[in-house]
Amino acid sequence: MTSNIVRIVWGGYSVTYDPSLSPMLRFTVRGWSGRIVCLRAPYGEAHRALVRECGFTKAEASRLLDQASRGRS
């Protein structure tokens, strides 16, 4: 059995995407220290966390989440 979970790391933060979960629970954002910024959240909530709490621009946050949801690293 293979895992479809995708993890993208950028700028000291990681975004994990799990397509097996419901759309309301697919994204998790963590800092390098392991601090959970946003746990099992929908796209919009993860995007807001990346912008407000992590300092990403809106374009960077969108790019990172889109990359994770498409399964590319």
PDB file of N, CA and C in Angstrom:
ATOM      1  N   MET A   1       0.842  -1.177   0.000  1.00  0.00           N
ATOM      2  CA  MET A   1       0.000   0.000   0.000  1.00  0.00           C
ATOM      3  C   MET A   1       0.890   1.244   0.000  1.00  0.00           C
ATOM      4  N   THR A   2       0.646   2.162  -0.898  1.00  0.00           N
ATOM      5  CA  THR A   2       1.447   3.377  -0.973  1.00  0.00           C
ATOM      6  C   THR A   2       0.689   4.559  -0.384  1.00  0.00           C
ATOM      7  N   SER A   3       1.454   5.513   0.083  1.00  0.00           N
ATOM      8  CA  SER A   3       0.871   6.711   0.676  1.00  0.00           C
ATOM      9  C   SER A   3       0.793   7.811  -0.371  1.00  0.00           C
ATOM     10  N   ASN A   4      -0.292   8.542  -0.385  1.00  0.00           N
ATOM     11  CA  ASN A   4      -0.467   9.651  -1.311  1.00  0.00           C
ATOM     12  C   ASN A   4      -0.205  10.994  -0.647  1.00  0.00           C
ATOM     13  N   ILE A   5       0.291  10.983   0.580  1.00  0.00           N
ATOM     14  CA  ILE A   5       0.549  12.218   1.303  1.00  0.00           C
ATOM     15  C   ILE A   5       1.739  12.931   0.665  1.00  0.00           C
ATOM     16  N   VAL A   6       1.575  14.238   0.457  1.00  0.00           N
ATOM     17  CA  VAL A   6       2.621  15.055  -0.160  1.00  0.00           C
ATOM     18  C   VAL A   6       3.085  16.090   0.859  1.00  0.00           C
ATOM     19  N   ARG A   7       4.394  16.268   0.949  1.00  0.00           N
ATOM     20  CA  ARG A   7       4.960  17.268   1.852  1.00  0.00           C
ATOM     21  C   ARG A   7       5.877  18.174   1.045  1.00  0.00           C
ATOM     22  N   ILE A   8       5.628  19.482   1.125  1.00  0.00           N
ATOM     23  CA  ILE A   8       6.427  20.484   0.440  1.00  0.00           C
ATOM     24  C   ILE A   8       7.070  21.365   1.496  1.00  0.00           C
ATOM     25  N   VAL A   9       8.372  21.606   1.379  1.00  0.00           N
ATOM     26  CA  VAL A   9       9.090  22.446   2.327  1.00  0.00           C
ATOM     27  C   VAL A   9       9.586  23.684   1.610  1.00  0.00           C
ATOM     28  N   TRP A  10       9.358  24.846   2.251  1.00  0.00           N
ATOM     29  CA  TRP A  10       9.812  26.098   1.650  1.00  0.00           C
ATOM     30  C   TRP A  10       9.906  27.172   2.727  1.00  0.00           C
ATOM     31  N   GLY A  11      11.029  27.849   2.785  1.00  0.00           N
ATOM     32  CA  GLY A  11      11.205  28.986   3.683  1.00  0.00           C
ATOM     33  C   GLY A  11      11.037  28.682   5.155  1.00  0.00           C
ATOM     34  N   GLY A  12      11.436  27.514   5.596  1.00  0.00           N
ATOM     35  CA  GLY A  12      11.339  27.177   7.013  1.00  0.00           C
ATOM     36  C   GLY A  12       9.986  26.621   7.429  1.00  0.00           C
ATOM     37  N   TYR A  13       9.114  26.424   6.487  1.00  0.00           N
ATOM     38  CA  TYR A  13       7.787  25.878   6.770  1.00  0.00           C
ATOM     39  C   TYR A  13       7.517  24.696   5.861  1.00  0.00           C
ATOM     40  N   SER A  14       6.652  23.802   6.318  1.00  0.00           N
ATOM     41  CA  SER A  14       6.249  22.692   5.468  1.00  0.00           C
ATOM     42  C   SER A  14       4.729  22.656   5.376  1.00  0.00           C
ATOM     43  N   VAL A  15       4.271  22.228   4.215  1.00  0.00           N
ATOM     44  CA  VAL A  15       2.846  22.029   3.982  1.00  0.00           C
ATOM     45  C   VAL A  15       2.659  20.561   3.645  1.00  0.00           C
ATOM     46  N   THR A  16       1.770  19.916   4.373  1.00  0.00           N
ATOM     47  CA  THR A  16       1.450  18.521   4.117  1.00  0.00           C
ATOM     48  C   THR A  16       0.035  18.459   3.561  1.00  0.00           C
ATOM     49  N   TYR A  17      -0.124  17.675   2.498  1.00  0.00           N
ATOM     50  CA  TYR A  17      -1.421  17.520   1.841  1.00  0.00           C
ATOM     51  C   TYR A  17      -1.774  16.039   1.831  1.00  0.00           C
ATOM     52  N   ASP A  18      -2.947  15.706   2.346  1.00  0.00           N
ATOM     53  CA  ASP A  18      -3.400  14.317   2.378  1.00  0.00           C
ATOM     54  C   ASP A  18      -4.722  14.200   1.634  1.00  0.00           C
ATOM     55  N   PRO A  19      -4.693  13.729   0.378  1.00  0.00           N
ATOM     56  CA  PRO A  19      -5.908  13.643  -0.425  1.00  0.00           C
ATOM     57  C   PRO A  19      -6.914  12.598   0.067  1.00  0.00           C
ATOM     58  N   SER A  20      -6.500  11.727   0.975  1.00  0.00           N
ATOM     59  CA  SER A  20      -7.429  10.714   1.481  1.00  0.00           C
ATOM     60  C   SER A  20      -8.399  11.289   2.510  1.00  0.00           C
ATOM     61  N   LEU A  21      -8.105  12.483   3.021  1.00  0.00           N
ATOM     62  CA  LEU A  21      -8.995  13.132   3.977  1.00  0.00           C
ATOM     63  C   LEU A  21     -10.050  13.956   3.250  1.00  0.00           C
ATOM     64  N   SER A  22     -11.072  14.369   3.971  1.00  0.00           N
ATOM     65  CA  SER A  22     -12.103  15.211   3.367  1.00  0.00           C
ATOM     66  C   SER A  22     -11.475  16.558   2.998  1.00  0.00           C
ATOM     67  N   PRO A  23     -12.042  17.285   2.042  1.00  0.00           N
ATOM     68  CA  PRO A  23     -11.475  18.571   1.631  1.00  0.00           C
ATOM     69  C   PRO A  23     -11.318  19.567   2.787  1.00  0.00           C
ATOM     70  N   MET A  24     -12.091  19.411   3.838  1.00  0.00           N
ATOM     71  CA  MET A  24     -12.007  20.317   4.989  1.00  0.00           C
ATOM     72  C   MET A  24     -10.835  19.990   5.917  1.00  0.00           C
ATOM     73  N   LEU A  25     -10.117  18.906   5.646  1.00  0.00           N
ATOM     74  CA  LEU A  25      -9.051  18.459   6.554  1.00  0.00           C
ATOM     75  C   LEU A  25      -7.720  18.177   5.854  1.00  0.00           C
ATOM     76  N   ARG A  26      -7.539  18.559   4.628  1.00  0.00           N
ATOM     77  CA  ARG A  26      -6.406  18.079   3.826  1.00  0.00           C
ATOM     78  C   ARG A  26      -5.056  18.745   4.067  1.00  0.00           C
ATOM     79  N   PHE A  27      -5.000  19.963   4.565  1.00  0.00           N
ATOM     80  CA  PHE A  27      -3.730  20.683   4.679  1.00  0.00           C
ATOM     81  C   PHE A  27      -3.278  20.850   6.128  1.00  0.00           C
ATOM     82  N   THR A  28      -1.971  20.675   6.349  1.00  0.00           N
ATOM     83  CA  THR A  28      -1.344  20.969   7.633  1.00  0.00           C
ATOM     84  C   THR A  28      -0.107  21.799   7.356  1.00  0.00           C
ATOM     85  N   VAL A  29       0.069  22.882   8.107  1.00  0.00           N
ATOM     86  CA  VAL A  29       1.226  23.764   7.968  1.00  0.00           C
ATOM     87  C   VAL A  29       2.023  23.691   9.260  1.00  0.00           C
ATOM     88  N   ARG A  30       3.341  23.460   9.131  1.00  0.00           N
ATOM     89  CA  ARG A  30       4.235  23.374  10.300  1.00  0.00           C
ATOM     90  C   ARG A  30       5.464  24.242  10.092  1.00  0.00           C
ATOM     91  N   GLY A  31       6.026  24.715  11.216  1.00  0.00           N
ATOM     92  CA  GLY A  31       7.302  25.417  11.199  1.00  0.00           C
ATOM     93  C   GLY A  31       8.424  24.410  11.357  1.00  0.00           C
ATOM     94  N   TRP A  32       9.661  24.841  11.136  1.00  0.00           N
ATOM     95  CA  TRP A  32      10.817  23.939  11.247  1.00  0.00           C
ATOM     96  C   TRP A  32      10.915  23.285  12.615  1.00  0.00           C
ATOM     97  N   SER A  33      10.560  24.012  13.651  1.00  0.00           N
ATOM     98  CA  SER A  33      10.671  23.465  15.005  1.00  0.00           C
ATOM     99  C   SER A  33       9.601  22.414  15.279  1.00  0.00           C
ATOM    100  N   GLY A  34       8.726  22.183  14.308  1.00  0.00           N
ATOM    101  CA  GLY A  34       7.645  21.228  14.479  1.00  0.00           C
ATOM    102  C   GLY A  34       6.359  21.874  14.972  1.00  0.00           C
ATOM    103  N   ARG A  35       6.418  23.181  15.214  1.00  0.00           N
ATOM    104  CA  ARG A  35       5.235  23.899  15.696  1.00  0.00           C
ATOM    105  C   ARG A  35       4.144  23.826  14.643  1.00  0.00           C
ATOM    106  N   ILE A  36       2.981  23.405  15.048  1.00  0.00           N
ATOM    107  CA  ILE A  36       1.851  23.333  14.123  1.00  0.00           C
ATOM    108  C   ILE A  36       1.230  24.714  14.009  1.00  0.00           C
ATOM    109  N   VAL A  37       1.244  25.250  12.807  1.00  0.00           N
ATOM    110  CA  VAL A  37       0.654  26.551  12.529  1.00  0.00           C
ATOM    111  C   VAL A  37      -0.823  26.374  12.195  1.00  0.00           C
ATOM    112  N   CYS A  38      -1.125  25.326  11.459  1.00  0.00           N
ATOM    113  CA  CYS A  38      -2.492  25.078  11.006  1.00  0.00           C
ATOM    114  C   CYS A  38      -2.646  23.568  10.826  1.00  0.00           C
ATOM    115  N   LEU A  39      -3.555  22.949  11.566  1.00  0.00           N
ATOM    116  CA  LEU A  39      -3.698  21.491  11.549  1.00  0.00           C
ATOM    117  C   LEU A  39      -4.982  21.068  10.861  1.00  0.00           C
ATOM    118  N   ARG A  40      -4.846  20.190   9.873  1.00  0.00           N
ATOM    119  CA  ARG A  40      -5.985  19.599   9.167  1.00  0.00           C
ATOM    120  C   ARG A  40      -7.037  20.642   8.810  1.00  0.00           C
ATOM    121  N   ALA A  41      -6.657  21.485   7.892  1.00  0.00           N
ATOM    122  CA  ALA A  41      -7.498  22.614   7.506  1.00  0.00           C
ATOM    123  C   ALA A  41      -7.803  22.587   6.014  1.00  0.00           C
ATOM    124  N   PRO A  42      -8.857  23.301   5.599  1.00  0.00           N
ATOM    125  CA  PRO A  42      -9.128  23.439   4.169  1.00  0.00           C
ATOM    126  C   PRO A  42      -8.134  24.413   3.539  1.00  0.00           C
ATOM    127  N   TYR A  43      -8.143  24.479   2.228  1.00  0.00           N
ATOM    128  CA  TYR A  43      -7.218  25.330   1.465  1.00  0.00           C
ATOM    129  C   TYR A  43      -7.224  26.773   1.977  1.00  0.00           C
ATOM    130  N   GLY A  44      -8.397  27.367   2.114  1.00  0.00           N
ATOM    131  CA  GLY A  44      -8.489  28.775   2.501  1.00  0.00           C
ATOM    132  C   GLY A  44      -7.890  29.070   3.856  1.00  0.00           C
ATOM    133  N   GLU A  45      -8.124  28.203   4.817  1.00  0.00           N
ATOM    134  CA  GLU A  45      -7.579  28.403   6.155  1.00  0.00           C
ATOM    135  C   GLU A  45      -6.059  28.231   6.153  1.00  0.00           C
ATOM    136  N   ALA A  46      -5.558  27.244   5.422  1.00  0.00           N
ATOM    137  CA  ALA A  46      -4.109  27.045   5.316  1.00  0.00           C
ATOM    138  C   ALA A  46      -3.463  28.242   4.619  1.00  0.00           C
ATOM    139  N   HIS A  47      -4.123  28.784   3.612  1.00  0.00           N
ATOM    140  CA  HIS A  47      -3.618  29.958   2.896  1.00  0.00           C
ATOM    141  C   HIS A  47      -3.520  31.154   3.849  1.00  0.00           C
ATOM    142  N   ARG A  48      -4.564  31.397   4.621  1.00  0.00           N
ATOM    143  CA  ARG A  48      -4.550  32.505   5.587  1.00  0.00           C
ATOM    144  C   ARG A  48      -3.436  32.332   6.609  1.00  0.00           C
ATOM    145  N   ALA A  49      -3.213  31.111   7.080  1.00  0.00           N
ATOM    146  CA  ALA A  49      -2.155  30.854   8.056  1.00  0.00           C
ATOM    147  C   ALA A  49      -0.779  31.138   7.457  1.00  0.00           C
ATOM    148  N   LEU A  50      -0.555  30.723   6.220  1.00  0.00           N
ATOM    149  CA  LEU A  50       0.733  30.983   5.571  1.00  0.00           C
ATOM    150  C   LEU A  50       0.987  32.485   5.416  1.00  0.00           C
ATOM    151  N   VAL A  51      -0.054  33.235   5.103  1.00  0.00           N
ATOM    152  CA  VAL A  51       0.098  34.682   4.903  1.00  0.00           C
ATOM    153  C   VAL A  51       0.230  35.404   6.245  1.00  0.00           C
ATOM    154  N   ARG A  52      -0.683  35.163   7.155  1.00  0.00           N
ATOM    155  CA  ARG A  52      -0.730  35.922   8.408  1.00  0.00           C
ATOM    156  C   ARG A  52       0.308  35.491   9.432  1.00  0.00           C
ATOM    157  N   GLU A  53       0.507  34.199   9.583  1.00  0.00           N
ATOM    158  CA  GLU A  53       1.390  33.714  10.639  1.00  0.00           C
ATOM    159  C   GLU A  53       2.806  33.392  10.171  1.00  0.00           C
ATOM    160  N   CYS A  54       2.958  33.092   8.888  1.00  0.00           N
ATOM    161  CA  CYS A  54       4.268  32.678   8.389  1.00  0.00           C
ATOM    162  C   CYS A  54       4.946  33.751   7.547  1.00  0.00           C
ATOM    163  N   GLY A  55       4.221  34.787   7.154  1.00  0.00           N
ATOM    164  CA  GLY A  55       4.816  35.886   6.413  1.00  0.00           C
ATOM    165  C   GLY A  55       4.948  35.688   4.912  1.00  0.00           C
ATOM    166  N   PHE A  56       4.277  34.697   4.363  1.00  0.00           N
ATOM    167  CA  PHE A  56       4.307  34.493   2.918  1.00  0.00           C
ATOM    168  C   PHE A  56       3.435  35.548   2.236  1.00  0.00           C
ATOM    169  N   THR A  57       3.757  35.863   0.997  1.00  0.00           N
ATOM    170  CA  THR A  57       2.852  36.703   0.215  1.00  0.00           C
ATOM    171  C   THR A  57       1.676  35.828  -0.194  1.00  0.00           C
ATOM    172  N   LYS A  58       0.602  36.451  -0.649  1.00  0.00           N
ATOM    173  CA  LYS A  58      -0.553  35.673  -1.098  1.00  0.00           C
ATOM    174  C   LYS A  58      -0.193  34.782  -2.277  1.00  0.00           C
ATOM    175  N   ALA A  59       0.641  35.299  -3.180  1.00  0.00           N
ATOM    176  CA  ALA A  59       1.058  34.508  -4.349  1.00  0.00           C
ATOM    177  C   ALA A  59       1.916  33.319  -3.931  1.00  0.00           C
ATOM    178  N   GLU A  60       2.846  33.531  -2.993  1.00  0.00           N
ATOM    179  CA  GLU A  60       3.697  32.437  -2.519  1.00  0.00           C
ATOM    180  C   GLU A  60       2.864  31.360  -1.828  1.00  0.00           C
ATOM    181  N   ALA A  61       1.918  31.785  -1.000  1.00  0.00           N
ATOM    182  CA  ALA A  61       1.069  30.824  -0.293  1.00  0.00           C
ATOM    183  C   ALA A  61       0.247  30.006  -1.284  1.00  0.00           C
ATOM    184  N   SER A  62      -0.331  30.668  -2.280  1.00  0.00           N
ATOM    185  CA  SER A  62      -1.112  29.958  -3.293  1.00  0.00           C
ATOM    186  C   SER A  62      -0.255  28.965  -4.057  1.00  0.00           C
ATOM    187  N   ARG A  63       0.937  29.397  -4.443  1.00  0.00           N
ATOM    188  CA  ARG A  63       1.846  28.535  -5.194  1.00  0.00           C
ATOM    189  C   ARG A  63       2.219  27.298  -4.384  1.00  0.00           C
ATOM    190  N   LEU A  64       2.519  27.483  -3.101  1.00  0.00           N
ATOM    191  CA  LEU A  64       2.918  26.380  -2.244  1.00  0.00           C
ATOM    192  C   LEU A  64       1.772  25.381  -2.050  1.00  0.00           C
ATOM    193  N   LEU A  65       0.578  25.876  -1.783  1.00  0.00           N
ATOM    194  CA  LEU A  65      -0.571  24.988  -1.588  1.00  0.00           C
ATOM    195  C   LEU A  65      -0.954  24.274  -2.884  1.00  0.00           C
ATOM    196  N   ASP A  66      -0.899  24.987  -3.999  1.00  0.00           N
ATOM    197  CA  ASP A  66      -1.205  24.359  -5.281  1.00  0.00           C
ATOM    198  C   ASP A  66      -0.192  23.277  -5.631  1.00  0.00           C
ATOM    199  N   GLN A  67       1.063  23.553  -5.334  1.00  0.00           N
ATOM    200  CA  GLN A  67       2.123  22.569  -5.597  1.00  0.00           C
ATOM    201  C   GLN A  67       1.892  21.311  -4.759  1.00  0.00           C
ATOM    202  N   ALA A  68       1.536  21.490  -3.498  1.00  0.00           N
ATOM    203  CA  ALA A  68       1.285  20.334  -2.627  1.00  0.00           C
ATOM    204  C   ALA A  68       0.073  19.542  -3.107  1.00  0.00           C
ATOM    205  N   SER A  69      -0.987  20.228  -3.491  1.00  0.00           N
ATOM    206  CA  SER A  69      -2.201  19.511  -3.879  1.00  0.00           C
ATOM    207  C   SER A  69      -2.077  18.817  -5.233  1.00  0.00           C
ATOM    208  N   ARG A  70      -1.120  19.221  -6.019  1.00  0.00           N
ATOM    209  CA  ARG A  70      -0.869  18.544  -7.291  1.00  0.00           C
ATOM    210  C   ARG A  70       0.160  17.431  -7.160  1.00  0.00           C
ATOM    211  N   GLY A  71       0.773  17.318  -5.986  1.00  0.00           N
ATOM    212  CA  GLY A  71       1.713  16.237  -5.742  1.00  0.00           C
ATOM    213  C   GLY A  71       3.092  16.425  -6.304  1.00  0.00           C
ATOM    214  N   ARG A  72       3.475  17.682  -6.571  1.00  0.00           N
ATOM    215  CA  ARG A  72       4.812  17.948  -7.095  1.00  0.00           C
ATOM    216  C   ARG A  72       5.677  18.515  -5.995  1.00  0.00           C
ATOM    217  N   SER A  73       6.942  18.119  -5.988  1.00  0.00           N
ATOM    218  CA  SER A  73       7.865  18.675  -4.993  1.00  0.00           C
ATOM    219  C   SER A  73       8.967  19.453  -5.649  1.00  0.00           C
TER     220      SER A  73
END
